[in-house]
Amino acid sequence: MQSKRKKSAVEKVFTGIRGLDEVLLGGVPKGRSTLITGGTGTGKTVILNEFLYQGITQFKENGVYVAFEESKMDIIKNVKGFGWNYASLIAQKKLAFVDAGALREMTFESGQNYDLSPLIERVKYALKKVKAKRLVIDGLDNLFSRFQNKDAVRQALYQITAELKDSGVTVLMTAEKLGSDKGLSRYGVEEFVADGVIEIELVKGQQQFLRRMFAVKFRGTGFRSGIIEFEITDQGLLVYPKIPVENVVAKTDFQVRKGFGIKGLDDILGGGIPQGHMVLVSGNTGTGKTMFGMHFLKQGISEGENAVLVALEEPVEQVKKTALSHGWDFNRYEKEGKVSFVTTNLIDISNDRLLYQIISAVEGINAKRVLVDSISTLLSATMSEEQVRQFLLQLSRYFKAKGITFIMNCLSSTSFGAAHGQLLSSLVTNEMRLSSVTDGIIMLLFVERGQRIKKLLTVLKLRGSQHSKEIFSFEIEKGGIKMGEKYEE
């Protein structure tokens, strides 16, 4: 009989940085050292400052800041932009600074022998003074600028980290990365001495720099691997953790149907969409995709189910105006907390950021219905087909685990049906290989008959559900969609 897997004995402390603790599966190892490495301007110092500030204000863990690059007063001024009042924390003896003046007290002989005790004693005194539990060291590699070789740097690092571990503090420190092919740090030894390493970088986008990080190692404890995107906002860091792709228990319920509230359509669907399904509504411009989606959300709201609308094609205000013209006051629903809107910049779009925005909106109002209008907009932006598929797979797993019913619109490339008897023509629904990802497909199309343009609807598939296989006509009128009779040539 196999023994049960033992839980990691490494205790963690929350950083308090939005999203980062989720990436690190609970925070950084308590009483250990973590190295933040990256090039100039990547955000290393911001991470240190937020770790300190959130530690003091959220978790009542006082801190010490050891600065080698900037002066104490410059740091205090810089963090004011995030709303962090360091002067107040210093006055309350919750925060202390150790500046680089200690470097001048260190003695060197032939560049080989060194005495770090003045610096270490100064740090220990500051830790004791404010009863600190957190310590950050900014610009660690500047300490070794006068050292002659890597062995000296390694020995000094071991001395510092060993002394600080005895103090029981959790340490975050930064080191400069000189280039993508130059290793993780300037001297190439810092990452080996630290217990954990997070690498951050700037990547050129079309109109802006994109920030990315990934955890390289954490001794004795787990973390989420892979590239993680993040931003520096006016409130500090915002990290976009990926949704885990492990198997989840789907809360799909075929007995519970989510209707559109459109007379006739729910009957065509066999009572509505099964709870937890992801359904694609495909059609060309003007066929009514957005209207069907808004019907679905409005019906949910009327039944007490909050909703999220992800507006990618039209501005949110335009969506609200369109809804209001049909008598649906989405602006009021938003103020009442019944609906939440998500939008994003389609230039330099990030699928991880968009996932985070959608999930945050869903959890913020406990939404049970979601509309994405439209998924094809992501492909026309900067996402590849595979990125769109991965985006949908992650979103689908999350929604299914929560029992959330999800509709996404998709722009079809073909406008009209073909000749008599071939209404669907060459219209395809798997242009982005979405057919295998979705649980259902509703097809909307135009057809020209008798010098008139007609709108048609058919349900191509709806997993686990009996649905009509016929083609039906419909019209868009003031007040919404009106289903017509079964269409026959």
Protein backbone atom coordinates (compact mmCIF):
# COMPACT_ATOMS: atom_id res chain seq x y z
CA MET A 1 0.00 0.00 0.00
CA GLN A 2 1.43 3.35 -1.02
CA SER A 3 1.87 6.00 1.63
CA LYS A 4 0.05 9.28 1.29
CA ARG A 5 1.97 12.15 -0.16
CA LYS A 6 3.25 14.36 2.64
CA LYS A 7 2.28 18.00 2.73
CA SER A 8 5.16 20.44 2.30
CA ALA A 9 6.65 21.40 5.68
CA VAL A 10 7.66 24.81 4.35
CA GLU A 11 5.44 27.49 5.88
CA LYS A 12 4.55 30.44 3.66
CA VAL A 13 3.67 34.09 4.19
CA PHE A 14 1.36 36.07 1.94
CA THR A 15 3.03 38.83 -0.04
CA GLY A 16 -0.25 40.74 -0.24
CA ILE A 17 0.41 41.45 -3.93
CA ARG A 18 -2.75 40.88 -5.98
CA GLY A 19 -2.45 37.62 -7.90
CA LEU A 20 1.12 36.79 -6.87
CA ASP A 21 0.17 34.70 -3.85
CA GLU A 22 -2.02 32.58 -6.11
CA VAL A 23 0.93 32.01 -8.46
CA LEU A 24 3.13 31.04 -5.50
CA LEU A 25 0.40 28.81 -4.03
CA GLY A 26 0.18 30.75 -0.80
CA GLY A 27 3.08 33.21 -0.83
CA VAL A 28 6.85 33.14 -0.31
CA PRO A 29 8.58 30.70 2.07
CA LYS A 30 8.61 32.04 5.62
CA GLY A 31 12.03 32.75 7.11
CA ARG A 32 13.77 32.20 3.77
CA SER A 33 15.22 34.38 1.02
CA THR A 34 13.65 35.03 -2.39
CA LEU A 35 15.54 36.71 -5.22
CA ILE A 36 13.74 39.02 -7.67
CA THR A 37 15.87 39.33 -10.79
CA GLY A 38 15.35 41.33 -13.96
CA GLY A 39 16.59 44.17 -16.11
CA THR A 40 16.32 47.90 -15.50
CA GLY A 41 12.75 49.18 -15.19
CA THR A 42 11.09 45.78 -14.94
CA GLY A 43 9.48 46.48 -11.54
CA LYS A 44 11.81 44.79 -9.06
CA THR A 45 11.74 47.65 -6.55
CA VAL A 46 7.95 47.92 -6.73
CA ILE A 47 7.65 44.27 -5.70
CA LEU A 48 9.89 44.87 -2.68
CA ASN A 49 7.97 47.94 -1.60
CA GLU A 50 4.58 46.32 -1.89
CA PHE A 51 5.80 43.24 -0.03
CA LEU A 52 6.87 45.53 2.81
CA TYR A 53 3.83 47.79 2.78
CA GLN A 54 1.24 45.01 2.57
CA GLY A 55 3.11 43.07 5.23
CA ILE A 56 2.84 45.98 7.65
CA THR A 57 -0.68 47.15 6.84
CA GLN A 58 -2.41 43.83 6.09
CA PHE A 59 -0.56 41.24 8.13
CA LYS A 60 0.93 43.32 10.98
CA GLU A 61 4.45 42.20 10.07
CA ASN A 62 6.86 45.11 10.45
CA GLY A 63 9.71 45.53 8.00
CA VAL A 64 13.18 46.83 7.22
CA TYR A 65 14.36 48.26 3.90
CA VAL A 66 18.06 47.97 2.98
CA ALA A 67 18.75 50.34 0.08
CA PHE A 68 21.90 50.38 -2.05
CA GLU A 69 20.58 52.28 -5.07
CA GLU A 70 18.16 54.97 -3.87
CA SER A 71 18.11 57.24 -0.85
CA LYS A 72 15.57 56.84 1.91
CA MET A 73 13.85 60.13 1.01
CA ASP A 74 13.58 59.21 -2.69
CA ILE A 75 11.96 55.89 -1.82
CA ILE A 76 9.46 57.59 0.51
CA LYS A 77 8.54 60.03 -2.27
CA ASN A 78 8.27 57.33 -4.93
CA VAL A 79 5.83 55.12 -3.02
CA LYS A 80 3.47 58.04 -2.37
CA GLY A 81 2.28 57.54 -5.95
CA PHE A 82 0.79 54.21 -4.85
CA GLY A 83 -0.83 55.78 -1.79
CA TRP A 84 1.70 54.26 0.62
CA ASN A 85 2.65 56.54 3.51
CA TYR A 86 6.10 55.39 4.60
CA ALA A 87 6.70 58.46 6.78
CA SER A 88 3.76 57.48 8.97
CA LEU A 89 4.96 53.87 9.24
CA ILE A 90 8.44 55.05 10.24
CA ALA A 91 6.95 57.34 12.91
CA GLN A 92 4.96 54.40 14.27
CA LYS A 93 8.17 52.30 14.42
CA LYS A 94 6.75 49.77 11.99
CA LEU A 95 9.31 50.45 9.24
CA ALA A 96 13.03 51.17 9.34
CA PHE A 97 15.64 51.92 6.67
CA VAL A 98 19.29 50.89 6.38
CA ASP A 99 21.10 52.93 3.74
CA ALA A 100 24.21 52.11 1.70
CA GLY A 101 26.41 54.15 4.03
CA ALA A 102 27.34 50.86 5.64
CA LEU A 103 29.42 50.09 2.57
CA ARG A 104 31.94 52.73 3.59
CA GLU A 105 32.50 50.98 6.90
CA MET A 106 33.46 47.68 5.32
CA THR A 107 37.19 46.95 5.05
CA PHE A 108 38.80 45.30 2.04
CA GLU A 109 42.29 43.94 1.64
CA SER A 110 43.59 43.19 -1.86
CA GLY A 111 40.00 42.94 -2.98
CA GLN A 112 39.73 39.51 -1.40
CA ASN A 113 39.23 39.78 2.34
CA TYR A 114 36.14 41.58 3.48
CA ASP A 115 34.25 42.21 6.66
CA LEU A 116 30.48 42.33 6.30
CA SER A 117 29.81 42.47 10.02
CA PRO A 118 29.17 46.27 10.11
CA LEU A 119 26.42 45.91 7.52
CA ILE A 120 24.93 42.80 9.08
CA GLU A 121 24.97 44.32 12.58
CA ARG A 122 23.26 47.45 11.29
CA VAL A 123 20.54 45.35 9.66
CA LYS A 124 20.08 43.27 12.82
CA TYR A 125 19.78 46.42 14.91
CA ALA A 126 17.05 47.77 12.58
CA LEU A 127 15.20 44.44 12.67
CA LYS A 128 15.23 44.44 16.45
CA LYS A 129 14.26 48.11 16.66
CA VAL A 130 10.94 47.64 14.83
CA LYS A 131 10.48 43.93 15.67
CA ALA A 132 10.53 43.18 11.97
CA LYS A 133 9.33 40.01 10.28
CA ARG A 134 10.09 41.15 6.74
CA LEU A 135 13.31 42.41 5.18
CA VAL A 136 13.96 43.67 1.66
CA ILE A 137 17.38 44.32 0.13
CA ASP A 138 17.28 46.44 -3.02
CA GLY A 139 20.25 46.32 -5.39
CA LEU A 140 22.01 43.41 -3.73
CA ASP A 141 24.55 43.09 -6.54
CA ASN A 142 25.82 46.62 -5.86
CA LEU A 143 27.23 45.26 -2.63
CA PHE A 144 29.70 43.14 -4.55
CA SER A 145 30.95 45.68 -7.08
CA ARG A 146 34.39 45.73 -5.41
CA PHE A 147 34.71 41.96 -5.12
CA GLN A 148 37.21 40.31 -7.44
CA ASN A 149 35.63 36.94 -8.20
CA LYS A 150 32.48 34.86 -7.94
CA ASP A 151 33.78 32.80 -5.04
CA ALA A 152 34.03 35.94 -2.93
CA VAL A 153 30.49 36.92 -3.90
CA ARG A 154 29.16 33.47 -3.10
CA GLN A 155 30.89 33.42 0.28
CA ALA A 156 29.53 36.87 1.15
CA LEU A 157 26.01 35.87 0.12
CA TYR A 158 26.12 32.74 2.26
CA GLN A 159 27.27 34.82 5.19
CA ILE A 160 24.45 37.34 4.79
CA THR A 161 21.65 34.82 4.22
CA ALA A 162 22.82 32.56 7.06
CA GLU A 163 22.89 35.47 9.51
CA LEU A 164 19.45 36.67 8.45
CA LYS A 165 17.91 33.19 8.62
CA ASP A 166 18.95 33.07 12.26
CA SER A 167 16.90 36.23 12.75
CA GLY A 168 13.80 34.46 11.46
CA VAL A 169 12.86 37.16 8.93
CA THR A 170 11.46 36.57 5.46
CA VAL A 171 13.76 38.18 2.90
CA LEU A 172 13.12 39.54 -0.59
CA MET A 173 16.14 40.87 -2.48
CA THR A 174 16.77 42.16 -5.99
CA ALA A 175 19.59 41.61 -8.44
CA GLU A 176 20.17 43.10 -11.87
CA LYS A 177 20.00 40.85 -14.91
CA LEU A 178 22.37 42.19 -17.57
CA GLY A 179 20.90 40.43 -20.62
CA SER A 180 18.85 37.48 -21.81
CA ASP A 181 22.00 35.44 -22.40
CA LYS A 182 23.87 36.57 -19.29
CA GLY A 183 22.25 34.32 -16.70
CA LEU A 184 19.70 35.27 -14.07
CA SER A 185 21.89 37.77 -12.25
CA ARG A 186 24.97 39.93 -12.69
CA TYR A 187 27.41 37.58 -10.94
CA GLY A 188 25.64 34.32 -11.73
CA VAL A 189 25.68 33.08 -8.14
CA GLU A 190 22.87 35.01 -6.45
CA GLU A 191 20.20 32.65 -7.76
CA PHE A 192 22.01 29.61 -6.37
CA VAL A 193 22.25 31.00 -2.85
CA ALA A 194 18.63 32.22 -2.65
CA ASP A 195 15.91 29.75 -1.63
CA GLY A 196 13.55 31.06 -4.30
CA VAL A 197 13.92 32.97 -7.58
CA ILE A 198 11.39 35.02 -9.56
CA GLU A 199 12.51 36.41 -12.91
CA ILE A 200 10.74 39.43 -14.43
CA GLU A 201 11.12 41.02 -17.84
CA LEU A 202 9.85 43.67 -20.24
CA VAL A 203 8.66 42.60 -23.70
CA LYS A 204 8.00 45.03 -26.55
CA GLY A 205 4.37 45.07 -27.63
CA GLN A 206 2.83 46.98 -30.52
CA GLN A 207 2.25 50.15 -28.51
CA GLN A 208 3.64 49.47 -25.05
CA PHE A 209 5.98 47.33 -23.02
CA LEU A 210 4.41 44.18 -21.57
CA ARG A 211 5.56 42.89 -18.18
CA ARG A 212 6.04 39.19 -17.53
CA MET A 213 7.33 37.08 -14.66
CA PHE A 214 7.91 33.45 -13.93
CA ALA A 215 8.94 31.55 -10.84
CA VAL A 216 12.23 29.78 -11.51
CA LYS A 217 12.60 27.83 -8.29
CA PHE A 218 11.38 27.56 -4.70
CA ARG A 219 13.13 24.97 -2.57
CA GLY A 220 10.84 22.50 -0.84
CA THR A 221 7.57 24.02 -2.00
CA GLY A 222 5.35 24.20 -5.07
CA PHE A 223 4.39 27.05 -7.38
CA ARG A 224 2.71 27.58 -10.73
CA SER A 225 5.18 27.39 -13.56
CA GLY A 226 5.00 29.19 -16.87
CA ILE A 227 4.97 32.81 -17.97
CA ILE A 228 2.74 35.08 -15.87
CA GLU A 229 1.80 38.56 -17.01
CA PHE A 230 1.47 41.52 -14.65
CA GLU A 231 0.98 45.27 -14.59
CA ILE A 232 2.10 48.13 -12.38
CA THR A 233 -1.01 50.17 -11.53
CA ASP A 234 -1.53 53.25 -9.37
CA GLN A 235 -2.24 50.85 -6.49
CA GLY A 236 0.77 48.61 -6.96
CA LEU A 237 1.22 45.34 -8.81
CA LEU A 238 -1.58 43.37 -10.43
CA VAL A 239 -0.53 39.84 -11.38
CA TYR A 240 -2.64 37.72 -13.71
CA PRO A 241 -2.32 34.10 -12.58
CA LYS A 242 -3.25 31.41 -15.06
CA ILE A 243 -6.26 29.24 -14.36
CA PRO A 244 -5.09 25.72 -13.41
CA VAL A 245 -5.78 23.23 -16.20
CA GLU A 246 -6.20 20.18 -13.99
CA ASN A 247 -9.43 18.23 -14.33
CA VAL A 248 -12.36 19.70 -12.48
CA VAL A 249 -15.78 18.38 -11.56
CA ALA A 250 -18.23 19.98 -13.97
CA LYS A 251 -21.47 21.24 -12.48
CA THR A 252 -23.37 20.82 -15.73
CA ASP A 253 -27.01 20.01 -15.01
CA PHE A 254 -29.09 18.85 -17.97
CA GLN A 255 -32.26 19.08 -15.90
CA VAL A 256 -31.74 22.79 -15.22
CA ARG A 257 -32.28 24.88 -18.34
CA LYS A 258 -31.26 28.49 -18.88
CA GLY A 259 -33.68 30.15 -21.27
CA PHE A 260 -33.44 33.18 -23.56
CA GLY A 261 -36.94 34.38 -22.72
CA ILE A 262 -37.70 34.43 -26.46
CA LYS A 263 -41.03 32.80 -27.26
CA GLY A 264 -40.41 29.70 -29.34
CA LEU A 265 -36.61 29.67 -29.08
CA ASP A 266 -36.44 27.91 -25.74
CA ASP A 267 -38.74 25.20 -27.13
CA ILE A 268 -36.42 24.80 -30.12
CA LEU A 269 -33.56 24.28 -27.63
CA GLY A 270 -35.49 21.63 -25.73
CA GLY A 271 -36.22 23.99 -22.85
CA GLY A 272 -33.15 26.19 -22.99
CA ILE A 273 -29.40 25.75 -22.59
CA PRO A 274 -28.33 23.19 -19.96
CA GLN A 275 -26.72 24.82 -16.93
CA GLY A 276 -22.93 24.99 -17.28
CA HIS A 277 -22.88 24.69 -21.09
CA MET A 278 -20.75 26.85 -23.37
CA VAL A 279 -22.68 27.75 -26.53
CA LEU A 280 -21.42 29.42 -29.69
CA VAL A 281 -23.77 31.79 -31.55
CA SER A 282 -22.36 32.17 -35.05
CA GLY A 283 -23.50 34.52 -37.78
CA ASN A 284 -22.57 37.41 -40.01
CA THR A 285 -22.83 41.10 -39.18
CA GLY A 286 -26.43 42.16 -38.66
CA THR A 287 -27.88 38.70 -38.03
CA GLY A 288 -28.60 39.55 -34.38
CA LYS A 289 -25.87 37.77 -32.42
CA THR A 290 -25.60 40.53 -29.81
CA MET A 291 -29.39 40.73 -29.46
CA PHE A 292 -29.66 37.02 -28.70
CA GLY A 293 -26.89 37.40 -26.13
CA MET A 294 -28.55 40.37 -24.42
CA HIS A 295 -31.86 38.46 -24.36
CA PHE A 296 -30.07 35.65 -22.56
CA LEU A 297 -28.58 37.98 -19.93
CA LYS A 298 -31.85 39.93 -19.48
CA GLN A 299 -33.78 36.73 -18.90
CA GLY A 300 -31.27 35.61 -16.31
CA ILE A 301 -31.49 38.93 -14.46
CA SER A 302 -35.29 38.68 -14.41
CA GLU A 303 -34.88 35.25 -12.78
CA GLY A 304 -32.47 36.58 -10.15
CA GLU A 305 -29.25 35.47 -11.86
CA ASN A 306 -26.54 38.10 -12.14
CA ALA A 307 -24.66 38.38 -15.43
CA VAL A 308 -21.37 39.52 -16.98
CA LEU A 309 -21.13 41.00 -20.48
CA VAL A 310 -17.67 41.01 -22.07
CA ALA A 311 -17.86 43.76 -24.70
CA LEU A 312 -15.08 43.37 -27.26
CA GLU A 313 -16.70 44.69 -30.44
CA GLU A 314 -18.65 47.74 -29.30
CA PRO A 315 -18.02 50.27 -26.52
CA VAL A 316 -19.96 49.50 -23.34
CA GLU A 317 -21.96 52.72 -23.62
CA GLN A 318 -23.09 51.75 -27.13
CA VAL A 319 -24.16 48.33 -25.86
CA LYS A 320 -26.19 50.01 -23.11
CA LYS A 321 -27.85 52.36 -25.61
CA THR A 322 -28.81 49.47 -27.89
CA ALA A 323 -30.29 47.57 -24.95
CA LEU A 324 -32.20 50.64 -23.75
CA SER A 325 -33.77 51.09 -27.20
CA HIS A 326 -35.44 47.73 -26.59
CA GLY A 327 -36.53 48.63 -23.08
CA TRP A 328 -33.68 46.96 -21.19
CA ASP A 329 -31.99 49.33 -18.74
CA PHE A 330 -28.55 47.72 -18.38
CA ASN A 331 -27.23 50.90 -16.80
CA ARG A 332 -29.68 50.46 -13.91
CA TYR A 333 -28.84 46.75 -13.67
CA GLU A 334 -25.18 47.68 -13.36
CA LYS A 335 -25.85 50.16 -10.55
CA GLU A 336 -27.91 47.51 -8.76
CA GLY A 337 -25.03 45.01 -9.03
CA LYS A 338 -26.97 42.68 -11.31
CA VAL A 339 -24.71 43.02 -14.33
CA SER A 340 -21.02 43.77 -14.73
CA PHE A 341 -19.21 44.82 -17.91
CA VAL A 342 -15.72 43.80 -18.99
CA THR A 343 -13.75 45.44 -21.78
CA THR A 344 -10.10 45.51 -22.78
CA ASN A 345 -7.64 47.21 -25.08
CA LEU A 346 -7.47 45.05 -28.21
CA ILE A 347 -3.96 46.29 -29.03
CA ASP A 348 -1.35 44.29 -27.10
CA ILE A 349 -4.22 42.19 -25.75
CA SER A 350 -3.36 39.66 -23.07
CA ASN A 351 -5.42 36.50 -22.74
CA ASP A 352 -4.29 36.04 -19.11
CA ARG A 353 -5.31 39.60 -18.24
CA LEU A 354 -8.69 39.18 -19.93
CA LEU A 355 -9.27 35.89 -18.12
CA TYR A 356 -8.47 37.59 -14.83
CA GLN A 357 -10.85 40.47 -15.61
CA ILE A 358 -13.70 38.12 -16.51
CA ILE A 359 -13.25 35.90 -13.48
CA SER A 360 -12.95 38.90 -11.16
CA ALA A 361 -16.18 40.33 -12.60
CA VAL A 362 -17.98 36.98 -12.24
CA GLU A 363 -16.86 36.50 -8.66
CA GLY A 364 -17.53 40.14 -7.82
CA ILE A 365 -21.29 39.79 -8.37
CA ASN A 366 -21.61 35.98 -8.21
CA ALA A 367 -22.71 35.87 -11.85
CA LYS A 368 -24.37 32.77 -13.30
CA ARG A 369 -24.55 33.86 -16.93
CA VAL A 370 -21.80 35.27 -19.17
CA LEU A 371 -21.82 36.68 -22.69
CA VAL A 372 -18.64 37.31 -24.73
CA ASP A 373 -19.32 39.54 -27.74
CA SER A 374 -17.48 38.42 -29.72
CA ILE A 375 -14.81 35.74 -29.58
CA SER A 376 -13.78 36.38 -33.20
CA THR A 377 -12.65 39.88 -32.16
CA LEU A 378 -9.82 38.30 -30.21
CA LEU A 379 -8.52 36.63 -33.36
CA SER A 380 -8.75 39.84 -35.33
CA ALA A 381 -6.71 41.53 -32.60
CA THR A 382 -3.35 39.99 -31.74
CA MET A 383 -4.31 36.55 -30.43
CA SER A 384 -3.45 33.52 -32.52
CA GLU A 385 -5.97 30.74 -33.13
CA GLU A 386 -4.23 28.57 -30.57
CA GLN A 387 -4.24 31.37 -27.98
CA VAL A 388 -7.99 31.80 -28.50
CA ARG A 389 -8.53 28.06 -28.04
CA GLN A 390 -6.44 27.99 -24.87
CA PHE A 391 -8.30 31.05 -23.59
CA LEU A 392 -11.64 29.29 -24.13
CA LEU A 393 -10.46 26.00 -22.64
CA GLN A 394 -9.36 27.71 -19.44
CA LEU A 395 -12.53 29.79 -19.27
CA SER A 396 -14.72 26.77 -19.96
CA ARG A 397 -13.08 24.72 -17.20
CA TYR A 398 -13.59 27.50 -14.71
CA PHE A 399 -17.23 28.10 -15.71
CA LYS A 400 -18.10 24.41 -15.68
CA ALA A 401 -16.65 24.03 -12.19
CA LYS A 402 -18.88 26.91 -11.06
CA GLY A 403 -22.01 25.88 -13.00
CA ILE A 404 -21.95 29.11 -15.04
CA THR A 405 -23.69 29.14 -18.42
CA PHE A 406 -21.65 30.89 -21.10
CA ILE A 407 -22.57 32.23 -24.55
CA MET A 408 -20.00 33.54 -27.00
CA ASN A 409 -20.70 35.20 -30.31
CA CYS A 410 -18.59 34.52 -33.37
CA LEU A 411 -18.54 36.39 -36.67
CA SER A 412 -19.08 34.06 -39.61
CA SER A 413 -17.27 34.68 -42.89
CA THR A 414 -20.22 33.77 -45.12
CA SER A 415 -23.15 36.17 -45.40
CA PHE A 416 -25.78 34.22 -47.31
CA GLY A 417 -27.09 30.74 -47.76
CA ALA A 418 -26.76 29.20 -51.20
CA ALA A 419 -29.33 27.98 -53.69
CA HIS A 420 -32.55 26.20 -52.83
CA GLY A 421 -31.93 23.06 -50.82
CA GLN A 422 -28.52 24.18 -49.66
CA LEU A 423 -29.34 26.86 -47.10
CA LEU A 424 -26.20 26.44 -45.03
CA SER A 425 -24.00 26.64 -48.10
CA SER A 426 -20.31 26.35 -47.23
CA LEU A 427 -20.82 28.09 -43.91
CA VAL A 428 -18.45 26.66 -41.35
CA THR A 429 -18.46 26.97 -37.57
CA ASN A 430 -15.01 25.64 -36.85
CA GLU A 431 -12.93 28.37 -38.49
CA MET A 432 -11.02 28.63 -35.24
CA ARG A 433 -11.57 24.94 -34.40
CA LEU A 434 -14.18 25.99 -31.86
CA SER A 435 -16.70 23.26 -32.62
CA SER A 436 -14.93 20.69 -30.45
CA VAL A 437 -14.57 23.17 -27.58
CA THR A 438 -18.22 24.23 -27.40
CA ASP A 439 -21.21 22.32 -26.04
CA GLY A 440 -23.65 23.87 -28.49
CA ILE A 441 -23.81 25.85 -31.74
CA ILE A 442 -26.61 28.15 -32.80
CA MET A 443 -26.27 29.28 -36.42
CA LEU A 444 -27.70 32.57 -37.68
CA LEU A 445 -27.65 33.46 -41.38
CA PHE A 446 -29.19 35.53 -44.14
CA VAL A 447 -30.90 34.01 -47.14
CA GLU A 448 -32.16 35.83 -50.24
CA ARG A 449 -35.50 34.57 -51.47
CA GLY A 450 -38.03 36.32 -53.67
CA GLN A 451 -36.00 39.52 -53.71
CA ARG A 452 -36.19 39.66 -49.92
CA ILE A 453 -33.59 39.06 -47.23
CA LYS A 454 -34.69 36.67 -44.51
CA LYS A 455 -32.97 35.88 -41.20
CA LEU A 456 -32.75 32.21 -40.31
CA LEU A 457 -31.73 30.22 -37.23
CA THR A 458 -30.85 26.60 -36.68
CA VAL A 459 -29.35 24.66 -33.77
CA LEU A 460 -26.47 22.61 -35.14
CA LYS A 461 -25.70 20.88 -31.86
CA LEU A 462 -26.49 20.94 -28.15
CA ARG A 463 -24.73 18.22 -26.17
CA GLY A 464 -26.88 16.00 -24.01
CA SER A 465 -30.07 17.62 -25.16
CA GLN A 466 -32.93 16.96 -27.52
CA HIS A 467 -33.35 19.96 -29.78
CA SER A 468 -35.08 20.81 -33.03
CA LYS A 469 -33.13 20.05 -36.20
CA GLU A 470 -35.27 22.38 -38.29
CA ILE A 471 -34.48 25.84 -39.67
CA PHE A 472 -36.59 28.74 -38.38
CA SER A 473 -37.06 32.32 -39.47
CA PHE A 474 -36.86 35.24 -37.04
CA GLU A 475 -37.03 39.02 -37.01
CA ILE A 476 -35.47 41.74 -34.88
CA GLU A 477 -38.18 44.12 -33.72
CA LYS A 478 -38.46 46.85 -31.12
CA GLY A 479 -38.46 44.93 -27.87
CA GLY A 480 -36.17 42.16 -29.11
CA ILE A 481 -36.22 38.95 -31.14
CA LYS A 482 -39.44 37.49 -32.55
CA MET A 483 -39.22 33.88 -33.73
CA GLY A 484 -41.13 32.90 -36.85
CA GLU A 485 -42.34 29.65 -38.32
CA LYS A 486 -40.32 26.71 -39.54
CA TYR A 487 -38.71 27.77 -42.79
CA GLU A 488 -39.43 25.78 -45.90
CA GLU A 489 -38.33 26.38 -49.48
